[in-house]
Amino acid sequence: MHAPSSPTFARYVAIGDSSTEGIDDPDGAGGYRGWSQRLAERIDGQQDNALLYANLAVRGLTTRQIQDRQLEAALAMKPDLATLFCGTNDCTGLRFDAESVADDIAHMQRALVDNGATVLSFTLPDLTPLMPLARLISPRIAAMNQALADASKKSGAILVDFAAYPVATDQRLWSEDRIHANSAGHARIAEALAQALNLPGTNDDWRQPFPTSLNQSRTQWGAAEARWYNRHFFPWIWQGLRGQSAGDGRVCKRPELAPL
């Protein structure tokens, strides 16, 4: 579905996991900003009517958990704009049911579109260039992106194929954990979504590569790999073995529609 030219929105609800929550884009006040809030700020700053914005995302959730915990609340707010990004935690989990993930994505998109919302989703790039171990889940990511494409085509949701552009896996757009975008990455995602909505002043700069290549010595590469295994990979494995999730005990940061 193509967004109308120069659209205005009254109620924007974001649902999803840690990416939508805003990790790893610090807001300077102890929390996270993220692409969703950046998009909301852009919309709010260029239209006469104030935008009401809610962010129901919680880190660590699977697609089914997002559907079960966030969809009903989102529909009750009757958004005219909604973003849905999910699936990362399905792809990195011990088990992956591609058909179930596809069905859940399709259900959420259809429900939001049928409720009157313009719906935005975007694809997850293959993370292998960032961490070689990711080749083990590359087929899962491909299946999830195909599910997004199929669901969006049927539901009328707008799908931004972020994964189609090589810059999507430039490590300068990613946090040290290699799972979350950094501030520069969140800014690019927000710009991509803004362009998909045909917001004034948008262009395709978000998909362009950096003007300079990233030069890293073998020593620098080795040090970065050691940090990643010690700070992120091994703790993540230990957390999984203990049956824990990053979202345990957490609530969303903006549970109700409110002005920015």
Protein backbone atom coordinates (compact mmCIF):
# COMPACT_ATOMS: atom_id res chain seq x y z
CA MET A 1 0.00 0.00 0.00
CA HIS A 2 1.26 3.49 -0.83
CA ALA A 3 0.91 6.15 1.80
CA PRO A 4 -0.95 9.31 0.82
CA SER A 5 1.08 12.38 -0.13
CA SER A 6 2.01 14.60 2.83
CA PRO A 7 -0.07 12.59 5.31
CA THR A 8 -1.01 13.76 8.77
CA PHE A 9 -1.54 11.45 11.73
CA ALA A 10 -3.29 11.80 15.06
CA ARG A 11 -2.48 8.57 16.92
CA TYR A 12 0.69 6.53 16.46
CA VAL A 13 1.14 3.24 18.30
CA ALA A 14 4.37 1.23 18.10
CA ILE A 15 4.46 -2.45 19.02
CA GLY A 16 7.42 -4.81 19.03
CA ASP A 17 10.53 -5.84 20.93
CA SER A 18 13.80 -4.17 21.95
CA SER A 19 14.32 -2.50 18.57
CA THR A 20 11.03 -0.64 18.86
CA GLU A 21 11.75 0.05 22.53
CA GLY A 22 14.82 1.93 21.32
CA ILE A 23 17.82 -0.11 22.44
CA ASP A 24 20.67 0.97 21.85
CA ASP A 25 19.86 4.66 21.24
CA PRO A 26 20.27 6.49 24.59
CA ASP A 27 18.00 9.47 25.17
CA GLY A 28 20.40 11.20 27.56
CA ALA A 29 18.06 10.77 30.52
CA GLY A 30 18.71 7.14 31.37
CA GLY A 31 16.28 5.67 28.84
CA TYR A 32 16.16 5.03 25.12
CA ARG A 33 14.92 7.10 22.20
CA GLY A 34 14.92 4.77 19.20
CA TRP A 35 13.65 4.88 15.63
CA SER A 36 10.00 4.80 16.69
CA GLN A 37 10.29 7.93 18.81
CA ARG A 38 12.47 9.59 16.18
CA LEU A 39 9.74 8.94 13.61
CA ALA A 40 7.08 10.26 15.98
CA GLU A 41 9.10 13.42 16.62
CA ARG A 42 9.51 14.01 12.91
CA ILE A 43 5.80 13.61 12.22
CA ASP A 44 4.83 15.80 15.17
CA GLY A 45 7.25 18.55 14.18
CA GLN A 46 5.89 19.04 10.67
CA GLN A 47 2.13 18.97 11.11
CA ASP A 48 -0.24 21.44 12.74
CA ASN A 49 -2.07 18.96 14.93
CA ALA A 50 -0.16 17.38 17.83
CA LEU A 51 0.63 13.70 17.43
CA LEU A 52 -0.33 11.33 20.24
CA TYR A 53 2.23 8.55 20.61
CA ALA A 54 2.34 5.25 22.51
CA ASN A 55 5.14 2.68 22.54
CA LEU A 56 4.08 -0.73 23.86
CA ALA A 57 7.32 -2.53 22.95
CA VAL A 58 9.21 -4.64 25.49
CA ARG A 59 12.62 -6.19 24.93
CA GLY A 60 13.03 -9.96 24.69
CA LEU A 61 9.57 -10.77 23.33
CA THR A 62 8.84 -13.21 20.53
CA THR A 63 6.31 -12.53 17.78
CA ARG A 64 3.62 -14.57 19.57
CA GLN A 65 4.27 -12.74 22.85
CA ILE A 66 3.96 -9.38 21.09
CA GLN A 67 0.65 -10.49 19.62
CA ASP A 68 -0.64 -11.76 22.96
CA ARG A 69 0.55 -8.83 25.08
CA GLN A 70 0.38 -5.78 22.84
CA LEU A 71 -2.05 -6.16 19.95
CA GLU A 72 -5.30 -5.82 21.89
CA ALA A 73 -4.09 -2.71 23.69
CA ALA A 74 -2.88 -1.22 20.42
CA LEU A 75 -6.21 -1.82 18.69
CA ALA A 76 -8.08 -0.23 21.59
CA MET A 77 -6.19 3.02 20.97
CA LYS A 78 -7.52 3.13 17.38
CA PRO A 79 -4.25 4.30 15.83
CA ASP A 80 -4.17 5.80 12.36
CA LEU A 81 -0.46 4.90 12.24
CA ALA A 82 1.15 1.76 13.65
CA THR A 83 4.59 0.19 13.36
CA LEU A 84 5.27 -3.50 13.84
CA PHE A 85 8.78 -4.91 13.99
CA CYS A 86 9.32 -8.37 15.45
CA GLY A 87 10.97 -11.73 14.87
CA THR A 88 14.54 -11.19 16.05
CA ASN A 89 13.93 -13.13 19.26
CA ASP A 90 12.24 -15.91 17.29
CA CYS A 91 15.28 -16.19 15.01
CA THR A 92 17.75 -16.34 17.89
CA GLY A 93 15.67 -18.73 20.03
CA LEU A 94 16.29 -22.43 20.52
CA ARG A 95 13.25 -23.27 18.39
CA PHE A 96 11.91 -21.49 15.33
CA ASP A 97 8.52 -22.16 13.75
CA ALA A 98 8.49 -20.21 10.48
CA GLU A 99 4.83 -20.96 9.77
CA SER A 100 3.71 -19.79 13.20
CA VAL A 101 5.75 -16.58 12.95
CA ALA A 102 4.31 -15.91 9.49
CA ASP A 103 0.74 -16.44 10.72
CA ASP A 104 1.23 -14.15 13.71
CA ILE A 105 2.76 -11.36 11.63
CA ALA A 106 -0.08 -11.60 9.10
CA HIS A 107 -2.70 -11.58 11.86
CA MET A 108 -1.28 -8.47 13.54
CA GLN A 109 -0.88 -6.55 10.30
CA ARG A 110 -4.41 -7.38 9.13
CA ALA A 111 -5.93 -6.49 12.49
CA LEU A 112 -4.22 -3.09 12.56
CA VAL A 113 -5.01 -2.29 8.92
CA ASP A 114 -8.64 -3.37 9.32
CA ASN A 115 -8.80 -1.14 12.40
CA GLY A 116 -7.95 1.88 10.25
CA ALA A 117 -4.18 2.18 10.65
CA THR A 118 -1.46 2.76 8.11
CA VAL A 119 0.96 0.00 9.10
CA LEU A 120 4.73 0.03 8.66
CA SER A 121 7.11 -2.92 9.00
CA PHE A 122 10.70 -3.48 7.88
CA THR A 123 13.00 -6.42 7.23
CA LEU A 124 15.92 -7.62 9.35
CA PRO A 125 19.24 -7.97 7.49
CA ASP A 126 21.30 -11.14 7.56
CA LEU A 127 23.64 -10.48 10.48
CA THR A 128 26.47 -12.73 9.23
CA PRO A 129 28.71 -9.78 8.19
CA LEU A 130 28.48 -8.53 11.78
CA MET A 131 29.03 -11.87 13.50
CA PRO A 132 30.00 -15.03 11.61
CA LEU A 133 27.97 -17.20 14.02
CA ALA A 134 24.84 -15.60 12.56
CA ARG A 135 25.15 -17.81 9.49
CA LEU A 136 23.49 -20.48 11.66
CA ILE A 137 20.28 -18.42 11.77
CA SER A 138 20.47 -16.95 8.26
CA PRO A 139 17.76 -19.33 6.95
CA ARG A 140 15.50 -18.23 9.81
CA ILE A 141 15.99 -14.55 9.01
CA ALA A 142 15.29 -15.22 5.34
CA ALA A 143 12.08 -17.08 6.26
CA MET A 144 10.97 -14.28 8.56
CA ASN A 145 11.59 -11.62 5.91
CA GLN A 146 9.64 -13.66 3.38
CA ALA A 147 6.80 -13.93 5.88
CA LEU A 148 6.86 -10.15 6.26
CA ALA A 149 6.78 -9.66 2.50
CA ASP A 150 3.88 -12.09 2.01
CA ALA A 151 1.88 -10.68 4.91
CA SER A 152 2.42 -7.07 3.84
CA LYS A 153 1.34 -7.80 0.28
CA LYS A 154 -1.91 -9.34 1.52
CA SER A 155 -2.69 -6.90 4.34
CA GLY A 156 -1.75 -3.64 2.64
CA ALA A 157 0.94 -2.82 5.18
CA ILE A 158 3.97 -0.85 3.98
CA LEU A 159 7.16 -2.91 4.08
CA VAL A 160 10.56 -1.21 3.97
CA ASP A 161 13.13 -3.74 2.75
CA PHE A 162 16.01 -2.43 4.84
CA ALA A 163 17.80 -5.76 4.43
CA ALA A 164 18.11 -5.23 0.67
CA TYR A 165 20.82 -2.58 1.06
CA PRO A 166 24.45 -3.45 1.92
CA VAL A 167 24.72 -0.51 4.31
CA ALA A 168 22.26 -2.28 6.61
CA THR A 169 25.11 -4.44 7.91
CA ASP A 170 27.78 -1.76 8.14
CA GLN A 171 28.96 -2.14 11.72
CA ARG A 172 28.96 1.64 12.14
CA LEU A 173 25.17 1.40 12.36
CA TRP A 174 25.19 -1.31 15.04
CA SER A 175 25.71 -1.47 18.77
CA GLU A 176 28.58 -3.41 20.29
CA ASP A 177 26.21 -6.34 20.93
CA ARG A 178 25.65 -6.68 17.14
CA ILE A 179 21.95 -7.32 17.66
CA HIS A 180 20.70 -3.77 18.19
CA ALA A 181 21.15 -0.69 16.06
CA ASN A 182 23.12 2.19 17.58
CA SER A 183 21.95 5.82 17.42
CA ALA A 184 23.11 6.20 13.81
CA GLY A 185 21.29 2.99 12.88
CA HIS A 186 18.07 4.09 14.58
CA ALA A 187 18.28 7.41 12.75
CA ARG A 188 18.55 5.62 9.39
CA ILE A 189 15.60 3.37 10.15
CA ALA A 190 13.49 6.38 11.13
CA GLU A 191 14.43 8.11 7.87
CA ALA A 192 13.55 5.01 5.85
CA LEU A 193 10.12 4.82 7.46
CA ALA A 194 9.58 8.55 7.03
CA GLN A 195 10.30 8.23 3.32
CA ALA A 196 7.93 5.27 3.07
CA LEU A 197 5.23 7.56 4.47
CA ASN A 198 6.11 10.26 1.92
CA LEU A 199 6.84 12.78 4.65
CA PRO A 200 8.09 16.14 3.37
CA GLY A 201 11.85 16.52 3.10
CA THR A 202 12.65 12.82 2.94
CA ASN A 203 15.02 11.22 0.46
CA ASP A 204 16.95 8.00 -0.05
CA ASP A 205 20.08 9.03 1.86
CA TRP A 206 19.29 6.35 4.44
CA ARG A 207 20.09 3.59 1.97
CA GLN A 208 23.39 5.06 0.78
CA PRO A 209 26.73 3.56 1.91
CA PHE A 210 29.15 5.49 4.06
CA PRO A 211 31.51 7.65 1.97
CA THR A 212 34.55 5.94 3.48
CA SER A 213 35.25 2.26 4.07
CA LEU A 214 35.75 0.87 7.55
CA ASN A 215 39.42 -0.01 8.00
CA GLN A 216 40.12 -2.32 10.92
CA SER A 217 43.41 -4.02 11.71
CA ARG A 218 43.59 -7.67 12.71
CA THR A 219 44.46 -6.58 16.23
CA GLN A 220 41.41 -4.32 16.44
CA TRP A 221 39.24 -7.07 14.99
CA GLY A 222 40.51 -9.61 17.51
CA ALA A 223 39.94 -7.26 20.44
CA ALA A 224 36.39 -6.53 19.26
CA GLU A 225 35.65 -10.26 18.92
CA ALA A 226 36.94 -10.96 22.43
CA ARG A 227 34.80 -8.15 23.88
CA TRP A 228 31.73 -9.41 22.08
CA TYR A 229 32.07 -12.99 23.32
CA ASN A 230 32.77 -11.91 26.92
CA ARG A 231 30.22 -9.11 27.20
CA HIS A 232 27.39 -10.40 25.05
CA PHE A 233 27.57 -13.93 23.63
CA PHE A 234 28.45 -15.90 26.77
CA PRO A 235 26.01 -13.93 29.01
CA TRP A 236 23.27 -14.45 26.41
CA ILE A 237 23.91 -18.21 26.36
CA TRP A 238 23.88 -18.33 30.17
CA GLN A 239 20.63 -16.37 30.28
CA GLY A 240 19.04 -18.79 27.82
CA LEU A 241 20.17 -21.83 29.77
CA ARG A 242 18.54 -20.38 32.88
CA GLY A 243 15.28 -19.81 31.00
CA GLN A 244 15.47 -16.05 31.41
CA SER A 245 14.51 -13.26 29.03
CA ALA A 246 15.67 -9.66 28.80
CA GLY A 247 12.03 -8.65 29.15
CA ASP A 248 11.35 -10.45 32.44
CA GLY A 249 9.65 -8.05 34.83
CA ARG A 250 9.69 -5.14 32.40
CA VAL A 251 6.82 -2.99 31.21
CA CYS A 252 6.56 -0.74 28.17
CA LYS A 253 7.79 2.84 28.38
CA ARG A 254 4.73 4.62 26.91
CA PRO A 255 1.63 2.53 27.69
CA GLU A 256 -0.87 5.23 26.76
CA LEU A 257 -1.29 7.71 23.95
CA ALA A 258 0.21 11.03 24.97
CA PRO A 259 1.71 14.10 23.32
CA LEU A 260 5.46 14.09 22.76
